[in-house]
């Protein structure tokens, strides 16, 4: 069994850093909109053949914004992922041949 190290950051610490650095958004929607912009940057990095490290950095930007959303709501993203994966593992899935799919 491979042990996965615990992250040094949490949704709470990332939300706190974001508030201290940028101030609070009027709504968590602002973080979601910014995450959408970062997603476009991630796609651009993939399409342009950027290094794996650069692509991972763009993915991290999105994850940081997701942590800001959950942290602002007083929740932990890692917990939400675990809960959602438990739901996903019980669902019936239809692969679409591209490596992703949809649930029924």
PDB file of N, CA and C in Angstrom:
ATOM      1  N   UNK A   1       0.841  -1.174   0.000  1.00  0.00           N
ATOM      2  CA  UNK A   1       0.000   0.000   0.000  1.00  0.00           C
ATOM      3  C   UNK A   1       0.888   1.239   0.000  1.00  0.00           C
ATOM      4  N   UNK A   2       0.608   2.159  -0.916  1.00  0.00           N
ATOM      5  CA  UNK A   2       1.362   3.395  -1.006  1.00  0.00           C
ATOM      6  C   UNK A   2       0.692   4.453  -0.131  1.00  0.00           C
ATOM      7  N   UNK A   3       1.475   5.063   0.725  1.00  0.00           N
ATOM      8  CA  UNK A   3       0.951   6.127   1.567  1.00  0.00           C
ATOM      9  C   UNK A   3       1.006   7.441   0.805  1.00  0.00           C
ATOM     10  N   UNK A   4      -0.091   8.141   0.803  1.00  0.00           N
ATOM     11  CA  UNK A   4      -0.162   9.442   0.154  1.00  0.00           C
ATOM     12  C   UNK A   4       0.029  10.504   1.228  1.00  0.00           C
ATOM     13  N   UNK A   5       1.000  11.393   1.040  1.00  0.00           N
ATOM     14  CA  UNK A   5       1.219  12.405   2.069  1.00  0.00           C
ATOM     15  C   UNK A   5       0.027  13.357   2.176  1.00  0.00           C
ATOM     16  N   UNK A   6      -0.244  13.798   3.367  1.00  0.00           N
ATOM     17  CA  UNK A   6      -1.334  14.750   3.583  1.00  0.00           C
ATOM     18  C   UNK A   6      -0.921  16.100   3.000  1.00  0.00           C
ATOM     19  N   UNK A   7      -1.868  16.774   2.381  1.00  0.00           N
ATOM     20  CA  UNK A   7      -1.547  18.097   1.836  1.00  0.00           C
ATOM     21  C   UNK A   7      -1.226  19.076   2.966  1.00  0.00           C
ATOM     22  N   UNK A   8      -0.388  20.051   2.662  1.00  0.00           N
ATOM     23  CA  UNK A   8      -0.064  21.051   3.677  1.00  0.00           C
ATOM     24  C   UNK A   8      -1.082  22.179   3.692  1.00  0.00           C
ATOM     25  N   UNK A   9      -1.885  22.261   2.648  1.00  0.00           N
ATOM     26  CA  UNK A   9      -2.923  23.288   2.574  1.00  0.00           C
ATOM     27  C   UNK A   9      -4.294  22.635   2.692  1.00  0.00           C
ATOM     28  N   UNK A  10      -5.248  23.421   3.126  1.00  0.00           N
ATOM     29  CA  UNK A  10      -6.641  22.978   3.209  1.00  0.00           C
ATOM     30  C   UNK A  10      -7.513  24.062   2.570  1.00  0.00           C
ATOM     31  N   UNK A  11      -8.763  23.760   2.402  1.00  0.00           N
ATOM     32  CA  UNK A  11      -9.674  24.776   1.873  1.00  0.00           C
ATOM     33  C   UNK A  11      -9.699  25.998   2.783  1.00  0.00           C
ATOM     34  N   UNK A  12      -9.628  25.757   4.075  1.00  0.00           N
ATOM     35  CA  UNK A  12      -9.631  26.869   5.035  1.00  0.00           C
ATOM     36  C   UNK A  12      -8.397  27.753   4.870  1.00  0.00           C
ATOM     37  N   UNK A  13      -7.203  27.143   4.786  1.00  0.00           N
ATOM     38  CA  UNK A  13      -5.984  27.960   4.684  1.00  0.00           C
ATOM     39  C   UNK A  13      -5.893  28.663   3.340  1.00  0.00           C
ATOM     40  N   UNK A  14      -6.375  28.017   2.287  1.00  0.00           N
ATOM     41  CA  UNK A  14      -6.346  28.647   0.966  1.00  0.00           C
ATOM     42  C   UNK A  14      -7.347  29.792   0.903  1.00  0.00           C
ATOM     43  N   UNK A  15      -8.541  29.594   1.459  1.00  0.00           N
ATOM     44  CA  UNK A  15      -9.535  30.673   1.494  1.00  0.00           C
ATOM     45  C   UNK A  15      -9.021  31.852   2.314  1.00  0.00           C
ATOM     46  N   UNK A  16      -8.358  31.551   3.419  1.00  0.00           N
ATOM     47  CA  UNK A  16      -7.803  32.613   4.267  1.00  0.00           C
ATOM     48  C   UNK A  16      -6.728  33.386   3.507  1.00  0.00           C
ATOM     49  N   UNK A  17      -5.818  32.669   2.839  1.00  0.00           N
ATOM     50  CA  UNK A  17      -4.783  33.326   2.029  1.00  0.00           C
ATOM     51  C   UNK A  17      -5.420  34.201   0.954  1.00  0.00           C
ATOM     52  N   UNK A  18      -6.431  33.672   0.269  1.00  0.00           N
ATOM     53  CA  UNK A  18      -7.095  34.432  -0.779  1.00  0.00           C
ATOM     54  C   UNK A  18      -7.732  35.706  -0.248  1.00  0.00           C
ATOM     55  N   UNK A  19      -8.380  35.600   0.895  1.00  0.00           N
ATOM     56  CA  UNK A  19      -9.005  36.781   1.499  1.00  0.00           C
ATOM     57  C   UNK A  19      -7.961  37.813   1.890  1.00  0.00           C
ATOM     58  N   UNK A  20      -6.864  37.349   2.470  1.00  0.00           N
ATOM     59  CA  UNK A  20      -5.797  38.265   2.884  1.00  0.00           C
ATOM     60  C   UNK A  20      -5.105  38.899   1.681  1.00  0.00           C
ATOM     61  N   UNK A  21      -4.985  38.157   0.601  1.00  0.00           N
ATOM     62  CA  UNK A  21      -4.257  38.624  -0.575  1.00  0.00           C
ATOM     63  C   UNK A  21      -5.115  39.475  -1.493  1.00  0.00           C
ATOM     64  N   UNK A  22      -6.349  39.055  -1.725  1.00  0.00           N
ATOM     65  CA  UNK A  22      -7.210  39.698  -2.719  1.00  0.00           C
ATOM     66  C   UNK A  22      -8.450  40.362  -2.130  1.00  0.00           C
ATOM     67  N   UNK A  23      -8.773  40.061  -0.880  1.00  0.00           N
ATOM     68  CA  UNK A  23     -10.028  40.503  -0.291  1.00  0.00           C
ATOM     69  C   UNK A  23     -11.103  39.466  -0.557  1.00  0.00           C
ATOM     70  N   UNK A  24     -12.247  39.677   0.040  1.00  0.00           N
ATOM     71  CA  UNK A  24     -13.359  38.735  -0.128  1.00  0.00           C
ATOM     72  C   UNK A  24     -14.179  39.112  -1.350  1.00  0.00           C
ATOM     73  N   UNK A  25     -14.628  38.109  -2.067  1.00  0.00           N
ATOM     74  CA  UNK A  25     -15.534  38.330  -3.193  1.00  0.00           C
ATOM     75  C   UNK A  25     -16.939  38.561  -2.649  1.00  0.00           C
ATOM     76  N   UNK A  26     -17.740  39.273  -3.408  1.00  0.00           N
ATOM     77  CA  UNK A  26     -19.126  39.498  -3.010  1.00  0.00           C
ATOM     78  C   UNK A  26     -19.899  38.187  -2.979  1.00  0.00           C
ATOM     79  N   UNK A  27     -19.469  37.227  -3.807  1.00  0.00           N
ATOM     80  CA  UNK A  27     -20.133  35.928  -3.910  1.00  0.00           C
ATOM     81  C   UNK A  27     -19.100  34.894  -4.342  1.00  0.00           C
ATOM     82  N   UNK A  28     -19.310  33.643  -3.972  1.00  0.00           N
ATOM     83  CA  UNK A  28     -18.399  32.586  -4.430  1.00  0.00           C
ATOM     84  C   UNK A  28     -18.475  32.420  -5.940  1.00  0.00           C
ATOM     85  N   UNK A  29     -19.511  32.974  -6.553  1.00  0.00           N
ATOM     86  CA  UNK A  29     -19.621  32.926  -8.015  1.00  0.00           C
ATOM     87  C   UNK A  29     -18.400  33.570  -8.670  1.00  0.00           C
ATOM     88  N   UNK A  30     -17.850  34.611  -8.063  1.00  0.00           N
ATOM     89  CA  UNK A  30     -16.658  35.265  -8.616  1.00  0.00           C
ATOM     90  C   UNK A  30     -15.494  34.280  -8.707  1.00  0.00           C
ATOM     91  N   UNK A  31     -15.360  33.410  -7.716  1.00  0.00           N
ATOM     92  CA  UNK A  31     -14.299  32.400  -7.750  1.00  0.00           C
ATOM     93  C   UNK A  31     -14.563  31.383  -8.852  1.00  0.00           C
ATOM     94  N   UNK A  32     -15.821  31.021  -9.041  1.00  0.00           N
ATOM     95  CA  UNK A  32     -16.178  30.057 -10.089  1.00  0.00           C
ATOM     96  C   UNK A  32     -15.907  30.646 -11.473  1.00  0.00           C
ATOM     97  N   UNK A  33     -16.218  31.911 -11.655  1.00  0.00           N
ATOM     98  CA  UNK A  33     -15.961  32.560 -12.941  1.00  0.00           C
ATOM     99  C   UNK A  33     -14.466  32.623 -13.203  1.00  0.00           C
ATOM    100  N   UNK A  34     -13.688  32.944 -12.179  1.00  0.00           N
ATOM    101  CA  UNK A  34     -12.234  32.981 -12.344  1.00  0.00           C
ATOM    102  C   UNK A  34     -11.704  31.577 -12.630  1.00  0.00           C
ATOM    103  N   UNK A  35     -12.276  30.555 -11.999  1.00  0.00           N
ATOM    104  CA  UNK A  35     -11.861  29.169 -12.270  1.00  0.00           C
ATOM    105  C   UNK A  35     -12.146  28.808 -13.715  1.00  0.00           C
ATOM    106  N   UNK A  36     -13.245  29.308 -14.255  1.00  0.00           N
ATOM    107  CA  UNK A  36     -13.584  29.061 -15.657  1.00  0.00           C
ATOM    108  C   UNK A  36     -12.509  29.681 -16.573  1.00  0.00           C
ATOM    109  N   UNK A  37     -12.041  30.861 -16.228  1.00  0.00           N
ATOM    110  CA  UNK A  37     -10.972  31.506 -16.993  1.00  0.00           C
ATOM    111  C   UNK A  37      -9.685  30.681 -16.911  1.00  0.00           C
ATOM    112  N   UNK A  38      -9.407  30.172 -15.721  1.00  0.00           N
ATOM    113  CA  UNK A  38      -8.212  29.337 -15.533  1.00  0.00           C
ATOM    114  C   UNK A  38      -8.349  28.022 -16.296  1.00  0.00           C
ATOM    115  N   UNK A  39      -9.564  27.484 -16.395  1.00  0.00           N
ATOM    116  CA  UNK A  39      -9.792  26.268 -17.167  1.00  0.00           C
ATOM    117  C   UNK A  39      -9.445  26.500 -18.634  1.00  0.00           C
ATOM    118  N   UNK A  40      -9.810  27.656 -19.146  1.00  0.00           N
ATOM    119  CA  UNK A  40      -9.458  27.998 -20.532  1.00  0.00           C
ATOM    120  C   UNK A  40      -7.939  28.041 -20.694  1.00  0.00           C
ATOM    121  N   UNK A  41      -7.230  28.564 -19.697  1.00  0.00           N
ATOM    122  CA  UNK A  41      -5.767  28.590 -19.741  1.00  0.00           C
ATOM    123  C   UNK A  41      -5.200  27.173 -19.713  1.00  0.00           C
ATOM    124  N   UNK A  42      -5.816  26.292 -18.931  1.00  0.00           N
ATOM    125  CA  UNK A  42      -5.381  24.897 -18.879  1.00  0.00           C
ATOM    126  C   UNK A  42      -5.540  24.239 -20.242  1.00  0.00           C
ATOM    127  N   UNK A  43      -6.681  24.433 -20.864  1.00  0.00           N
ATOM    128  CA  UNK A  43      -6.923  23.852 -22.189  1.00  0.00           C
ATOM    129  C   UNK A  43      -5.915  24.388 -23.194  1.00  0.00           C
ATOM    130  N   UNK A  44      -5.648  25.682 -23.106  1.00  0.00           N
ATOM    131  CA  UNK A  44      -4.671  26.296 -24.014  1.00  0.00           C
ATOM    132  C   UNK A  44      -3.275  25.683 -23.800  1.00  0.00           C
ATOM    133  N   UNK A  45      -2.899  25.468 -22.550  1.00  0.00           N
ATOM    134  CA  UNK A  45      -1.599  24.869 -22.251  1.00  0.00           C
ATOM    135  C   UNK A  45      -1.500  23.458 -22.818  1.00  0.00           C
ATOM    136  N   UNK A  46      -2.572  22.703 -22.709  1.00  0.00           N
ATOM    137  CA  UNK A  46      -2.590  21.337 -23.250  1.00  0.00           C
ATOM    138  C   UNK A  46      -2.493  21.378 -24.767  1.00  0.00           C
ATOM    139  N   UNK A  47      -3.312  22.226 -25.380  1.00  0.00           N
ATOM    140  CA  UNK A  47      -3.334  22.303 -26.847  1.00  0.00           C
ATOM    141  C   UNK A  47      -2.018  22.804 -27.428  1.00  0.00           C
ATOM    142  N   UNK A  48      -1.325  23.665 -26.704  1.00  0.00           N
ATOM    143  CA  UNK A  48      -0.074  24.215 -27.224  1.00  0.00           C
ATOM    144  C   UNK A  48       1.134  23.338 -26.917  1.00  0.00           C
ATOM    145  N   UNK A  49       0.902  22.223 -26.222  1.00  0.00           N
ATOM    146  CA  UNK A  49       1.983  21.287 -25.941  1.00  0.00           C
ATOM    147  C   UNK A  49       2.921  21.738 -24.835  1.00  0.00           C
ATOM    148  N   UNK A  50       2.414  22.538 -23.903  1.00  0.00           N
ATOM    149  CA  UNK A  50       3.235  22.958 -22.773  1.00  0.00           C
ATOM    150  C   UNK A  50       3.756  21.747 -22.008  1.00  0.00           C
ATOM    151  N   UNK A  51       4.743  21.971 -21.175  1.00  0.00           N
ATOM    152  CA  UNK A  51       5.310  20.890 -20.374  1.00  0.00           C
ATOM    153  C   UNK A  51       4.275  20.351 -19.398  1.00  0.00           C
ATOM    154  N   UNK A  52       4.480  19.134 -18.962  1.00  0.00           N
ATOM    155  CA  UNK A  52       3.585  18.542 -17.966  1.00  0.00           C
ATOM    156  C   UNK A  52       3.514  19.421 -16.720  1.00  0.00           C
ATOM    157  N   UNK A  53       4.652  19.963 -16.316  1.00  0.00           N
ATOM    158  CA  UNK A  53       4.696  20.806 -15.119  1.00  0.00           C
ATOM    159  C   UNK A  53       3.862  22.075 -15.317  1.00  0.00           C
ATOM    160  N   UNK A  54       3.919  22.679 -16.495  1.00  0.00           N
ATOM    161  CA  UNK A  54       3.125  23.876 -16.772  1.00  0.00           C
ATOM    162  C   UNK A  54       1.633  23.547 -16.783  1.00  0.00           C
ATOM    163  N   UNK A  55       1.291  22.395 -17.343  1.00  0.00           N
ATOM    164  CA  UNK A  55      -0.107  21.961 -17.361  1.00  0.00           C
ATOM    165  C   UNK A  55      -0.591  21.722 -15.935  1.00  0.00           C
ATOM    166  N   UNK A  56       0.222  21.070 -15.123  1.00  0.00           N
ATOM    167  CA  UNK A  56      -0.142  20.819 -13.726  1.00  0.00           C
ATOM    168  C   UNK A  56      -0.307  22.128 -12.960  1.00  0.00           C
ATOM    169  N   UNK A  57       0.505  23.118 -13.277  1.00  0.00           N
ATOM    170  CA  UNK A  57       0.402  24.418 -12.626  1.00  0.00           C
ATOM    171  C   UNK A  57      -0.927  25.088 -12.957  1.00  0.00           C
ATOM    172  N   UNK A  58      -1.364  24.976 -14.204  1.00  0.00           N
ATOM    173  CA  UNK A  58      -2.668  25.520 -14.580  1.00  0.00           C
ATOM    174  C   UNK A  58      -3.791  24.765 -13.860  1.00  0.00           C
ATOM    175  N   UNK A  59      -3.661  23.451 -13.751  1.00  0.00           N
ATOM    176  CA  UNK A  59      -4.654  22.663 -13.020  1.00  0.00           C
ATOM    177  C   UNK A  59      -4.683  23.083 -11.545  1.00  0.00           C
ATOM    178  N   UNK A  60      -3.527  23.390 -10.989  1.00  0.00           N
ATOM    179  CA  UNK A  60      -3.451  23.837  -9.596  1.00  0.00           C
ATOM    180  C   UNK A  60      -4.188  25.160  -9.407  1.00  0.00           C
ATOM    181  N   UNK A  61      -4.074  26.066 -10.387  1.00  0.00           N
ATOM    182  CA  UNK A  61      -4.802  27.334 -10.282  1.00  0.00           C
ATOM    183  C   UNK A  61      -6.297  27.098 -10.127  1.00  0.00           C
ATOM    184  N   UNK A  62      -6.827  26.161 -10.899  1.00  0.00           N
ATOM    185  CA  UNK A  62      -8.253  25.838 -10.821  1.00  0.00           C
ATOM    186  C   UNK A  62      -8.585  25.251  -9.454  1.00  0.00           C
ATOM    187  N   UNK A  63      -7.736  24.344  -9.008  1.00  0.00           N
ATOM    188  CA  UNK A  63      -7.967  23.692  -7.716  1.00  0.00           C
ATOM    189  C   UNK A  63      -7.933  24.706  -6.580  1.00  0.00           C
ATOM    190  N   UNK A  64      -7.023  25.661  -6.656  1.00  0.00           N
ATOM    191  CA  UNK A  64      -6.953  26.704  -5.622  1.00  0.00           C
ATOM    192  C   UNK A  64      -8.258  27.473  -5.562  1.00  0.00           C
ATOM    193  N   UNK A  65      -8.807  27.804  -6.715  1.00  0.00           N
ATOM    194  CA  UNK A  65     -10.083  28.526  -6.726  1.00  0.00           C
ATOM    195  C   UNK A  65     -11.220  27.661  -6.193  1.00  0.00           C
ATOM    196  N   UNK A  66     -11.207  26.378  -6.486  1.00  0.00           N
ATOM    197  CA  UNK A  66     -12.220  25.477  -5.927  1.00  0.00           C
ATOM    198  C   UNK A  66     -12.098  25.410  -4.404  1.00  0.00           C
ATOM    199  N   UNK A  67     -10.868  25.407  -3.908  1.00  0.00           N
ATOM    200  CA  UNK A  67     -10.652  25.450  -2.452  1.00  0.00           C
ATOM    201  C   UNK A  67     -11.175  26.754  -1.865  1.00  0.00           C
ATOM    202  N   UNK A  68     -11.006  27.862  -2.600  1.00  0.00           N
ATOM    203  CA  UNK A  68     -11.524  29.141  -2.098  1.00  0.00           C
ATOM    204  C   UNK A  68     -13.051  29.089  -1.988  1.00  0.00           C
ATOM    205  N   UNK A  69     -13.687  28.445  -2.955  1.00  0.00           N
ATOM    206  CA  UNK A  69     -15.148  28.316  -2.891  1.00  0.00           C
ATOM    207  C   UNK A  69     -15.544  27.526  -1.651  1.00  0.00           C
ATOM    208  N   UNK A  70     -15.002  26.320  -1.524  1.00  0.00           N
ATOM    209  CA  UNK A  70     -15.429  25.467  -0.408  1.00  0.00           C
ATOM    210  C   UNK A  70     -14.990  26.043   0.936  1.00  0.00           C
ATOM    211  N   UNK A  71     -13.787  26.605   0.988  1.00  0.00           N
ATOM    212  CA  UNK A  71     -13.315  27.204   2.233  1.00  0.00           C
ATOM    213  C   UNK A  71     -14.172  28.371   2.672  1.00  0.00           C
ATOM    214  N   UNK A  72     -14.589  29.199   1.718  1.00  0.00           N
ATOM    215  CA  UNK A  72     -15.468  30.324   2.020  1.00  0.00           C
ATOM    216  C   UNK A  72     -16.806  29.840   2.567  1.00  0.00           C
ATOM    217  N   UNK A  73     -17.256  28.699   2.081  1.00  0.00           N
ATOM    218  CA  UNK A  73     -18.512  28.115   2.553  1.00  0.00           C
ATOM    219  C   UNK A  73     -18.350  27.335   3.858  1.00  0.00           C
ATOM    220  N   UNK A  74     -17.123  27.292   4.384  1.00  0.00           N
ATOM    221  CA  UNK A  74     -16.873  26.569   5.621  1.00  0.00           C
ATOM    222  C   UNK A  74     -16.776  25.069   5.433  1.00  0.00           C
ATOM    223  N   UNK A  75     -16.478  24.650   4.205  1.00  0.00           N
ATOM    224  CA  UNK A  75     -16.369  23.231   3.878  1.00  0.00           C
ATOM    225  C   UNK A  75     -14.949  22.911   3.427  1.00  0.00           C
ATOM    226  N   UNK A  76     -14.658  21.631   3.291  1.00  0.00           N
ATOM    227  CA  UNK A  76     -13.342  21.162   2.849  1.00  0.00           C
ATOM    228  C   UNK A  76     -13.494  20.440   1.515  1.00  0.00           C
ATOM    229  N   UNK A  77     -12.766  20.904   0.510  1.00  0.00           N
ATOM    230  CA  UNK A  77     -12.851  20.310  -0.823  1.00  0.00           C
ATOM    231  C   UNK A  77     -12.503  18.827  -0.801  1.00  0.00           C
ATOM    232  N   UNK A  78     -11.465  18.436  -0.061  1.00  0.00           N
ATOM    233  CA  UNK A  78     -11.073  17.028  -0.015  1.00  0.00           C
ATOM    234  C   UNK A  78     -12.227  16.154   0.488  1.00  0.00           C
ATOM    235  N   UNK A  79     -12.971  16.651   1.484  1.00  0.00           N
ATOM    236  CA  UNK A  79     -14.131  15.897   1.991  1.00  0.00           C
ATOM    237  C   UNK A  79     -15.213  15.797   0.928  1.00  0.00           C
ATOM    238  N   UNK A  80     -15.450  16.904   0.225  1.00  0.00           N
ATOM    239  CA  UNK A  80     -16.466  16.900  -0.832  1.00  0.00           C
ATOM    240  C   UNK A  80     -16.091  15.919  -1.942  1.00  0.00           C
ATOM    241  N   UNK A  81     -14.806  15.847  -2.270  1.00  0.00           N
ATOM    242  CA  UNK A  81     -14.355  14.901  -3.303  1.00  0.00           C
ATOM    243  C   UNK A  81     -14.586  13.473  -2.835  1.00  0.00           C
ATOM    244  N   UNK A  82     -14.224  13.175  -1.597  1.00  0.00           N
ATOM    245  CA  UNK A  82     -14.443  11.821  -1.070  1.00  0.00           C
ATOM    246  C   UNK A  82     -15.923  11.452  -1.102  1.00  0.00           C
ATOM    247  N   UNK A  83     -16.777  12.377  -0.675  1.00  0.00           N
ATOM    248  CA  UNK A  83     -18.219  12.116  -0.682  1.00  0.00           C
ATOM    249  C   UNK A  83     -18.729  11.906  -2.104  1.00  0.00           C
ATOM    250  N   UNK A  84     -18.276  12.725  -3.031  1.00  0.00           N
ATOM    251  CA  UNK A  84     -18.739  12.612  -4.419  1.00  0.00           C
ATOM    252  C   UNK A  84     -18.226  11.330  -5.062  1.00  0.00           C
ATOM    253  N   UNK A  85     -16.994  10.927  -4.762  1.00  0.00           N
ATOM    254  CA  UNK A  85     -16.469   9.673  -5.301  1.00  0.00           C
ATOM    255  C   UNK A  85     -17.264   8.482  -4.787  1.00  0.00           C
ATOM    256  N   UNK A  86     -17.711   8.538  -3.551  1.00  0.00           N
ATOM    257  CA  UNK A  86     -18.548   7.451  -3.019  1.00  0.00           C
ATOM    258  C   UNK A  86     -19.845   7.359  -3.826  1.00  0.00           C
ATOM    259  N   UNK A  87     -20.421   8.501  -4.184  1.00  0.00           N
ATOM    260  CA  UNK A  87     -21.629   8.526  -5.024  1.00  0.00           C
ATOM    261  C   UNK A  87     -21.303   7.984  -6.409  1.00  0.00           C
ATOM    262  N   UNK A  88     -20.210   8.488  -6.992  1.00  0.00           N
ATOM    263  CA  UNK A  88     -19.828   8.080  -8.352  1.00  0.00           C
ATOM    264  C   UNK A  88     -19.578   6.577  -8.455  1.00  0.00           C
ATOM    265  N   UNK A  89     -19.006   5.994  -7.430  1.00  0.00           N
ATOM    266  CA  UNK A  89     -18.694   4.561  -7.467  1.00  0.00           C
ATOM    267  C   UNK A  89     -19.958   3.706  -7.427  1.00  0.00           C
ATOM    268  N   UNK A  90     -21.069   4.273  -6.979  1.00  0.00           N
ATOM    269  CA  UNK A  90     -22.343   3.533  -6.944  1.00  0.00           C
ATOM    270  C   UNK A  90     -23.157   3.736  -8.224  1.00  0.00           C
ATOM    271  N   UNK A  91     -22.762   4.658  -9.066  1.00  0.00           N
ATOM    272  CA  UNK A  91     -23.531   4.977 -10.274  1.00  0.00           C
ATOM    273  C   UNK A  91     -23.199   4.031 -11.413  1.00  0.00           C
ATOM    274  N   UNK A  92     -24.130   3.960 -12.342  1.00  0.00           N
ATOM    275  CA  UNK A  92     -23.899   3.263 -13.611  1.00  0.00           C
ATOM    276  C   UNK A  92     -23.335   4.285 -14.583  1.00  0.00           C
ATOM    277  N   UNK A  93     -22.247   3.930 -15.268  1.00  0.00           N
ATOM    278  CA  UNK A  93     -21.576   4.860 -16.171  1.00  0.00           C
ATOM    279  C   UNK A  93     -21.605   4.342 -17.601  1.00  0.00           C
ATOM    280  N   UNK A  94     -21.674   5.259 -18.546  1.00  0.00           N
ATOM    281  CA  UNK A  94     -21.631   4.928 -19.964  1.00  0.00           C
ATOM    282  C   UNK A  94     -20.391   5.597 -20.551  1.00  0.00           C
ATOM    283  N   UNK A  95     -19.324   4.804 -20.819  1.00  0.00           N
ATOM    284  CA  UNK A  95     -18.135   5.390 -21.436  1.00  0.00           C
ATOM    285  C   UNK A  95     -18.456   5.862 -22.849  1.00  0.00           C
ATOM    286  N   UNK A  96     -17.794   6.961 -23.269  1.00  0.00           N
ATOM    287  CA  UNK A  96     -18.055   7.455 -24.625  1.00  0.00           C
ATOM    288  C   UNK A  96     -16.906   7.173 -25.586  1.00  0.00           C
ATOM    289  N   UNK A  97     -15.931   6.394 -25.142  1.00  0.00           N
ATOM    290  CA  UNK A  97     -14.818   6.029 -26.018  1.00  0.00           C
ATOM    291  C   UNK A  97     -13.656   7.009 -26.003  1.00  0.00           C
ATOM    292  N   UNK A  98     -13.823   8.128 -25.319  1.00  0.00           N
ATOM    293  CA  UNK A  98     -12.755   9.131 -25.294  1.00  0.00           C
ATOM    294  C   UNK A  98     -11.993   9.145 -23.967  1.00  0.00           C
ATOM    295  N   UNK A  99     -12.335   8.219 -23.077  1.00  0.00           N
ATOM    296  CA  UNK A  99     -11.712   8.199 -21.761  1.00  0.00           C
ATOM    297  C   UNK A  99     -12.579   8.862 -20.695  1.00  0.00           C
ATOM    298  N   UNK A 100     -13.722   9.375 -21.101  1.00  0.00           N
ATOM    299  CA  UNK A 100     -14.696   9.939 -20.167  1.00  0.00           C
ATOM    300  C   UNK A 100     -16.069   9.376 -20.508  1.00  0.00           C
ATOM    301  N   UNK A 101     -17.077   9.789 -19.840  1.00  0.00           N
ATOM    302  CA  UNK A 101     -18.425   9.309 -20.108  1.00  0.00           C
ATOM    303  C   UNK A 101     -19.426  10.051 -19.251  1.00  0.00           C
ATOM    304  N   UNK A 102     -20.615   9.486 -19.172  1.00  0.00           N
ATOM    305  CA  UNK A 102     -21.698  10.103 -18.400  1.00  0.00           C
ATOM    306  C   UNK A 102     -22.380   9.021 -17.562  1.00  0.00           C
ATOM    307  N   UNK A 103     -22.947   9.473 -16.454  1.00  0.00           N
ATOM    308  CA  UNK A 103     -23.712   8.518 -15.646  1.00  0.00           C
ATOM    309  C   UNK A 103     -25.139   8.461 -16.156  1.00  0.00           C
ATOM    310  N   UNK A 104     -25.777   7.332 -15.848  1.00  0.00           N
ATOM    311  CA  UNK A 104     -27.167   7.143 -16.281  1.00  0.00           C
ATOM    312  C   UNK A 104     -28.123   7.780 -15.315  1.00  0.00           C
TER     313      UNK A 104
END
